[in-house]
Amino acid sequence: MPTSSSLETFQADETLKGLHRFQRDAVEYAYHRLYEAKDSSRRFLIADEVGLGKTLIAKGILAKSLEHLRGKVDRIDIVYICSNLSIARQNINRLNPLRDTRFADAERITLLPVQLASLADNRVNFVAFTPGTSLDRSEERRVGKECRSRWS
């Protein structure tokens, strides 16, 4: 879990210097639209061809956002929604700009209540979900922890 001091000393430039110019341009534009523009937006979509670095661009946006928000809010919650679990597992560590932070172990949105107590103690939280595992209502997809959390 990140300590308060690790977030306070975090520098987005460390993450950004590893990006190609077009990726840095995308990060700067998204950051501007999210935080600086008069008509700013609360969401932003990055879309391009496979293999051009959307995950690295997202990591850059997260890095700049963490740097921007660290003195303005008590807790930062980052939710990563990915198309499928295998891609989510592949990208989780690549997406995280903080070395001492890990993603919460809640593959299904219905398991989030199990994680809430630990999330409240952290300055920064990363939680990953996939529509295939989180939104499937069939009985065979449910896990024991999920059923216990729903009915407790």
Protein backbone atom coordinates (compact mmCIF):
# COMPACT_ATOMS: atom_id res chain seq x y z
CA MET A 1 0.00 0.00 0.00
CA PRO A 2 1.38 3.42 -0.71
CA THR A 3 2.47 5.37 2.26
CA SER A 4 1.47 8.98 2.43
CA SER A 5 5.09 9.96 1.82
CA SER A 6 5.45 7.76 -1.29
CA LEU A 7 2.50 9.50 -2.91
CA GLU A 8 3.78 12.90 -1.78
CA THR A 9 7.18 12.30 -3.36
CA PHE A 10 5.85 10.62 -6.51
CA GLN A 11 6.91 12.33 -9.75
CA ALA A 12 4.86 11.75 -12.91
CA ASP A 13 7.89 12.63 -15.05
CA GLU A 14 9.44 9.25 -14.18
CA THR A 15 6.49 7.55 -15.89
CA LEU A 16 6.24 10.01 -18.78
CA LYS A 17 9.89 9.87 -19.81
CA GLY A 18 9.44 6.28 -21.00
CA LEU A 19 6.69 7.22 -23.47
CA HIS A 20 6.98 7.99 -27.18
CA ARG A 21 6.21 11.57 -28.22
CA PHE A 22 2.74 10.70 -29.61
CA GLN A 23 1.91 8.91 -26.34
CA ARG A 24 3.04 11.92 -24.26
CA ASP A 25 0.92 14.18 -26.50
CA ALA A 26 -2.11 11.97 -25.82
CA VAL A 27 -1.41 12.05 -22.06
CA GLU A 28 -1.09 15.83 -22.04
CA TYR A 29 -4.25 16.32 -24.08
CA ALA A 30 -6.31 13.95 -21.92
CA TYR A 31 -4.97 15.53 -18.73
CA HIS A 32 -5.83 18.99 -20.05
CA ARG A 33 -9.40 17.90 -20.91
CA LEU A 34 -9.84 16.23 -17.52
CA TYR A 35 -8.39 18.91 -15.24
CA GLU A 36 -7.54 22.19 -16.97
CA ALA A 37 -10.01 22.96 -19.77
CA LYS A 38 -12.87 25.36 -19.06
CA ASP A 39 -15.23 22.77 -20.50
CA SER A 40 -13.42 19.86 -18.82
CA SER A 41 -14.75 16.33 -18.86
CA ARG A 42 -14.96 13.70 -16.13
CA ARG A 43 -14.15 10.94 -18.61
CA PHE A 44 -11.90 10.44 -21.60
CA LEU A 45 -11.59 7.62 -24.14
CA ILE A 46 -8.26 6.56 -25.64
CA ALA A 47 -8.68 4.47 -28.80
CA ASP A 48 -6.15 3.44 -31.42
CA GLU A 49 -4.78 0.38 -33.20
CA VAL A 50 -3.62 -2.66 -31.25
CA GLY A 51 -0.09 -2.31 -29.91
CA LEU A 52 0.29 1.49 -30.00
CA GLY A 53 0.36 1.84 -26.23
CA LYS A 54 -3.10 2.60 -24.82
CA THR A 55 -2.07 1.00 -21.52
CA LEU A 56 1.05 3.17 -21.34
CA ILE A 57 -0.99 6.27 -22.18
CA ALA A 58 -3.45 5.35 -19.41
CA LYS A 59 -0.50 4.90 -17.03
CA GLY A 60 0.75 8.38 -17.97
CA ILE A 61 -2.70 9.89 -17.37
CA LEU A 62 -2.88 8.12 -14.01
CA ALA A 63 0.59 9.39 -13.08
CA LYS A 64 -0.32 13.00 -13.87
CA SER A 65 -3.68 12.62 -12.12
CA LEU A 66 -2.07 11.23 -8.97
CA GLU A 67 0.37 14.12 -8.91
CA HIS A 68 -2.50 16.60 -9.44
CA LEU A 69 -4.89 15.10 -6.87
CA ARG A 70 -2.49 14.18 -4.07
CA GLY A 71 -2.82 17.49 -2.23
CA LYS A 72 -6.48 18.00 -3.05
CA VAL A 73 -8.23 14.82 -1.86
CA ASP A 74 -7.80 12.42 1.04
CA ARG A 75 -8.21 9.23 -1.01
CA ILE A 76 -7.83 8.40 -4.70
CA ASP A 77 -9.79 5.43 -6.08
CA ILE A 78 -8.87 4.16 -9.54
CA VAL A 79 -11.20 1.67 -11.20
CA TYR A 80 -9.84 -0.30 -14.14
CA ILE A 81 -12.48 -1.87 -16.38
CA CYS A 82 -11.07 -4.24 -18.96
CA SER A 83 -12.69 -6.36 -21.67
CA ASN A 84 -11.57 -9.68 -20.22
CA LEU A 85 -9.78 -11.12 -17.21
CA SER A 86 -6.66 -12.34 -19.01
CA ILE A 87 -6.00 -8.89 -20.52
CA ALA A 88 -6.72 -7.27 -17.14
CA ARG A 89 -4.18 -9.52 -15.41
CA GLN A 90 -1.62 -8.82 -18.14
CA ASN A 91 -2.06 -5.03 -17.89
CA ILE A 92 -2.55 -4.45 -14.16
CA ASN A 93 1.12 -4.09 -13.25
CA ARG A 94 1.93 -2.19 -16.46
CA LEU A 95 -0.84 0.30 -15.69
CA ASN A 96 0.16 1.12 -12.13
CA PRO A 97 2.59 4.07 -11.82
CA LEU A 98 3.10 3.59 -8.06
CA ARG A 99 5.60 0.86 -7.22
CA ASP A 100 4.33 0.26 -3.68
CA THR A 101 0.66 -0.11 -4.55
CA ARG A 102 -1.19 -3.19 -5.73
CA PHE A 103 -4.63 -3.69 -7.21
CA ALA A 104 -7.39 -4.89 -4.90
CA ASP A 105 -8.17 -8.55 -5.41
CA ALA A 106 -11.79 -8.15 -6.49
CA GLU A 107 -12.29 -9.61 -9.96
CA ARG A 108 -16.05 -9.30 -9.69
CA ILE A 109 -17.83 -6.10 -8.75
CA THR A 110 -20.01 -8.13 -6.40
CA LEU A 111 -16.88 -8.95 -4.36
CA LEU A 112 -16.14 -5.27 -3.73
CA PRO A 113 -17.87 -5.33 -0.29
CA VAL A 114 -15.28 -7.90 0.82
CA GLN A 115 -12.56 -5.36 -0.03
CA LEU A 116 -14.16 -2.18 1.37
CA ALA A 117 -12.52 -2.31 4.81
CA SER A 118 -9.01 -2.53 3.34
CA LEU A 119 -9.76 0.15 0.72
CA ALA A 120 -10.74 2.68 3.37
CA ASP A 121 -7.26 2.47 4.92
CA ASN A 122 -5.37 3.29 1.72
CA ARG A 123 -4.50 6.66 0.29
CA VAL A 124 -4.63 5.23 -3.25
CA ASN A 125 -6.74 2.26 -4.36
CA PHE A 126 -6.66 0.39 -7.66
CA VAL A 127 -9.59 -1.94 -8.33
CA ALA A 128 -9.98 -3.95 -11.54
CA PHE A 129 -13.21 -5.38 -12.97
CA THR A 130 -14.21 -7.09 -16.19
CA PRO A 131 -17.74 -7.08 -17.61
CA GLY A 132 -17.52 -10.82 -18.29
CA THR A 133 -16.91 -11.69 -14.66
CA SER A 134 -18.69 -8.81 -12.97
CA LEU A 135 -21.94 -8.64 -14.88
CA ASP A 136 -22.66 -12.33 -15.56
CA ARG A 137 -25.65 -13.23 -13.37
CA SER A 138 -25.58 -16.97 -14.02
CA GLU A 139 -25.37 -19.21 -10.97
CA GLU A 140 -22.34 -21.18 -12.20
CA ARG A 141 -20.17 -18.02 -12.28
CA ARG A 142 -20.78 -17.13 -8.64
CA VAL A 143 -18.14 -17.93 -6.09
CA GLY A 144 -18.63 -18.75 -2.42
CA LYS A 145 -17.23 -15.43 -1.16
CA GLU A 146 -19.61 -13.59 -3.44
CA CYS A 147 -22.67 -15.43 -2.14
CA ARG A 148 -21.58 -14.93 1.48
CA SER A 149 -21.05 -11.20 0.93
CA ARG A 150 -24.43 -10.80 -0.79
CA TRP A 151 -26.36 -12.48 1.98
CA SER A 152 -24.46 -11.28 5.06
